[in-house]
Amino acid sequence: MTTPLTLAASTRPDGTQVVAAAGEIDMSNAGALEEALARTGDSMVLVDLSEVEYLDSAGLTVLFTHASRIRLVANPVLEPVLTIAGFADVAAIQEITYVDPSS
């Protein structure tokens, strides 16, 4: 079973535009991510993928299309996909780290 994609756009107090995604990004919904990024205009945007569980080539295509103006926040699950695809060579990726609250 797939996890539906949800997208939320916001602007931080410093003016940084943010598009946060959660769920799975695949060919069935990559167009929604493209539309969300297109709505941000030509300015820099932070794309928060920390809650994305799956990213296929359609999602990567969208990210590569906007690579010159995005920074990514990605969870460790996506790191191999982004590295193999070469995305780290064209845009900044900030990996989130999980802290065990019990430690």
C-alpha atoms as a PDB file:
ATOM      1  CA  MET A   1       0.000   0.000   0.000  1.00  0.00           C
ATOM      2  CA  THR A   2       1.306   3.445  -0.845  1.00  0.00           C
ATOM      3  CA  THR A   3       1.283   6.457   1.413  1.00  0.00           C
ATOM      4  CA  PRO A   4      -0.461   9.417  -0.238  1.00  0.00           C
ATOM      5  CA  LEU A   5       1.608  12.496  -0.939  1.00  0.00           C
ATOM      6  CA  THR A   6       0.800  15.607   1.038  1.00  0.00           C
ATOM      7  CA  LEU A   7       2.386  18.966   0.290  1.00  0.00           C
ATOM      8  CA  ALA A   8       2.445  22.106   2.397  1.00  0.00           C
ATOM      9  CA  ALA A   9       3.863  25.440   1.285  1.00  0.00           C
ATOM     10  CA  SER A  10       4.885  28.111   3.754  1.00  0.00           C
ATOM     11  CA  THR A  11       7.196  31.062   4.194  1.00  0.00           C
ATOM     12  CA  ARG A  12       9.531  31.355   7.167  1.00  0.00           C
ATOM     13  CA  PRO A  13       9.873  34.656   9.050  1.00  0.00           C
ATOM     14  CA  ASP A  14      13.175  35.267   7.235  1.00  0.00           C
ATOM     15  CA  GLY A  15      11.349  35.033   3.890  1.00  0.00           C
ATOM     16  CA  THR A  16      12.563  31.545   2.959  1.00  0.00           C
ATOM     17  CA  GLN A  17       9.927  29.686   0.991  1.00  0.00           C
ATOM     18  CA  VAL A  18       9.401  26.091   2.071  1.00  0.00           C
ATOM     19  CA  VAL A  19       7.658  23.203   0.341  1.00  0.00           C
ATOM     20  CA  ALA A  20       7.274  20.277   2.733  1.00  0.00           C
ATOM     21  CA  ALA A  21       6.331  16.853   1.414  1.00  0.00           C
ATOM     22  CA  ALA A  22       5.210  13.747   3.253  1.00  0.00           C
ATOM     23  CA  GLY A  23       4.387  10.278   1.981  1.00  0.00           C
ATOM     24  CA  GLU A  24       5.554   8.842  -1.321  1.00  0.00           C
ATOM     25  CA  ILE A  25       6.577  10.713  -4.464  1.00  0.00           C
ATOM     26  CA  ASP A  26       6.132   8.696  -7.633  1.00  0.00           C
ATOM     27  CA  MET A  27       4.869   9.068 -11.191  1.00  0.00           C
ATOM     28  CA  SER A  28       1.262   9.223 -10.003  1.00  0.00           C
ATOM     29  CA  ASN A  29       1.799  12.442  -8.027  1.00  0.00           C
ATOM     30  CA  ALA A  30       5.107  14.020  -9.108  1.00  0.00           C
ATOM     31  CA  GLY A  31       3.064  16.589 -11.031  1.00  0.00           C
ATOM     32  CA  ALA A  32       1.724  17.936  -7.742  1.00  0.00           C
ATOM     33  CA  LEU A  33       5.282  18.496  -6.507  1.00  0.00           C
ATOM     34  CA  GLU A  34       6.126  20.214  -9.803  1.00  0.00           C
ATOM     35  CA  GLU A  35       3.123  22.522  -9.407  1.00  0.00           C
ATOM     36  CA  ALA A  36       4.041  23.351  -5.800  1.00  0.00           C
ATOM     37  CA  LEU A  37       7.580  24.272  -6.821  1.00  0.00           C
ATOM     38  CA  ALA A  38       6.384  26.251  -9.839  1.00  0.00           C
ATOM     39  CA  ARG A  39       4.171  28.348  -7.550  1.00  0.00           C
ATOM     40  CA  THR A  40       7.274  29.530  -5.672  1.00  0.00           C
ATOM     41  CA  GLY A  41       8.439  31.464  -8.727  1.00  0.00           C
ATOM     42  CA  ASP A  42      12.144  31.818  -9.410  1.00  0.00           C
ATOM     43  CA  SER A  43      13.289  32.346  -5.834  1.00  0.00           C
ATOM     44  CA  MET A  44      15.255  29.896  -3.711  1.00  0.00           C
ATOM     45  CA  VAL A  45      13.130  27.338  -1.930  1.00  0.00           C
ATOM     46  CA  LEU A  46      13.768  24.802   0.798  1.00  0.00           C
ATOM     47  CA  VAL A  47      12.245  21.440  -0.099  1.00  0.00           C
ATOM     48  CA  ASP A  48      11.660  19.426   3.055  1.00  0.00           C
ATOM     49  CA  LEU A  49      11.581  15.712   2.248  1.00  0.00           C
ATOM     50  CA  SER A  50      12.144  14.608   5.840  1.00  0.00           C
ATOM     51  CA  GLU A  51       8.759  12.848   5.897  1.00  0.00           C
ATOM     52  CA  VAL A  52       9.048  11.274   2.433  1.00  0.00           C
ATOM     53  CA  GLU A  53       9.221   7.487   2.537  1.00  0.00           C
ATOM     54  CA  TYR A  54       9.749   6.801  -1.174  1.00  0.00           C
ATOM     55  CA  LEU A  55      11.041   8.783  -4.150  1.00  0.00           C
ATOM     56  CA  ASP A  56      11.130   7.406  -7.684  1.00  0.00           C
ATOM     57  CA  SER A  57      12.572   8.710 -10.940  1.00  0.00           C
ATOM     58  CA  ALA A  58       9.556  10.935 -11.621  1.00  0.00           C
ATOM     59  CA  GLY A  59      10.147  12.736  -8.334  1.00  0.00           C
ATOM     60  CA  LEU A  60      13.869  12.975  -9.050  1.00  0.00           C
ATOM     61  CA  THR A  61      13.099  14.529 -12.437  1.00  0.00           C
ATOM     62  CA  VAL A  62      11.090  17.270 -10.736  1.00  0.00           C
ATOM     63  CA  LEU A  63      13.896  17.929  -8.264  1.00  0.00           C
ATOM     64  CA  PHE A  64      16.525  18.043 -11.016  1.00  0.00           C
ATOM     65  CA  THR A  65      14.366  20.487 -12.985  1.00  0.00           C
ATOM     66  CA  HIS A  66      14.515  22.932 -10.062  1.00  0.00           C
ATOM     67  CA  ALA A  67      17.989  21.987  -8.754  1.00  0.00           C
ATOM     68  CA  SER A  68      19.506  25.410  -9.372  1.00  0.00           C
ATOM     69  CA  ARG A  69      17.154  27.043  -6.884  1.00  0.00           C
ATOM     70  CA  ILE A  70      16.377  24.459  -4.222  1.00  0.00           C
ATOM     71  CA  ARG A  71      17.946  23.143  -1.047  1.00  0.00           C
ATOM     72  CA  LEU A  72      16.789  19.774   0.201  1.00  0.00           C
ATOM     73  CA  VAL A  73      16.246  18.438   3.665  1.00  0.00           C
ATOM     74  CA  ALA A  74      16.150  14.670   3.350  1.00  0.00           C
ATOM     75  CA  ASN A  75      15.897  11.748   5.711  1.00  0.00           C
ATOM     76  CA  PRO A  76      18.504   8.966   5.722  1.00  0.00           C
ATOM     77  CA  VAL A  77      16.174   6.652   3.752  1.00  0.00           C
ATOM     78  CA  LEU A  78      16.439   8.930   0.715  1.00  0.00           C
ATOM     79  CA  GLU A  79      20.193   9.499   0.935  1.00  0.00           C
ATOM     80  CA  PRO A  80      21.167   6.514  -1.267  1.00  0.00           C
ATOM     81  CA  VAL A  81      18.617   7.454  -3.937  1.00  0.00           C
ATOM     82  CA  LEU A  82      19.784  11.068  -4.054  1.00  0.00           C
ATOM     83  CA  THR A  83      23.454  10.069  -4.048  1.00  0.00           C
ATOM     84  CA  ILE A  84      23.154   7.449  -6.785  1.00  0.00           C
ATOM     85  CA  ALA A  85      21.119   9.846  -8.918  1.00  0.00           C
ATOM     86  CA  GLY A  86      23.858  12.475  -8.544  1.00  0.00           C
ATOM     87  CA  PHE A  87      21.590  15.080  -6.982  1.00  0.00           C
ATOM     88  CA  ALA A  88      24.176  15.961  -4.339  1.00  0.00           C
ATOM     89  CA  ASP A  89      26.453  17.111  -7.160  1.00  0.00           C
ATOM     90  CA  VAL A  90      24.006  19.802  -8.310  1.00  0.00           C
ATOM     91  CA  ALA A  91      22.175  20.971  -5.180  1.00  0.00           C
ATOM     92  CA  ALA A  92      22.614  21.217  -1.425  1.00  0.00           C
ATOM     93  CA  ILE A  93      21.221  18.369   0.645  1.00  0.00           C
ATOM     94  CA  GLN A  94      20.916  18.574   4.387  1.00  0.00           C
ATOM     95  CA  GLU A  95      20.371  15.193   5.979  1.00  0.00           C
ATOM     96  CA  ILE A  96      18.273  15.151   9.105  1.00  0.00           C
ATOM     97  CA  THR A  97      19.401  13.079  12.002  1.00  0.00           C
ATOM     98  CA  TYR A  98      17.168  11.335  14.422  1.00  0.00           C
ATOM     99  CA  VAL A  99      17.783  11.654  18.128  1.00  0.00           C
ATOM    100  CA  ASP A 100      16.521   8.847  20.334  1.00  0.00           C
ATOM    101  CA  PRO A 101      14.488  10.628  23.029  1.00  0.00           C
ATOM    102  CA  SER A 102      15.166   7.791  25.470  1.00  0.00           C
ATOM    103  CA  SER A 103      18.927   8.386  25.481  1.00  0.00           C
END
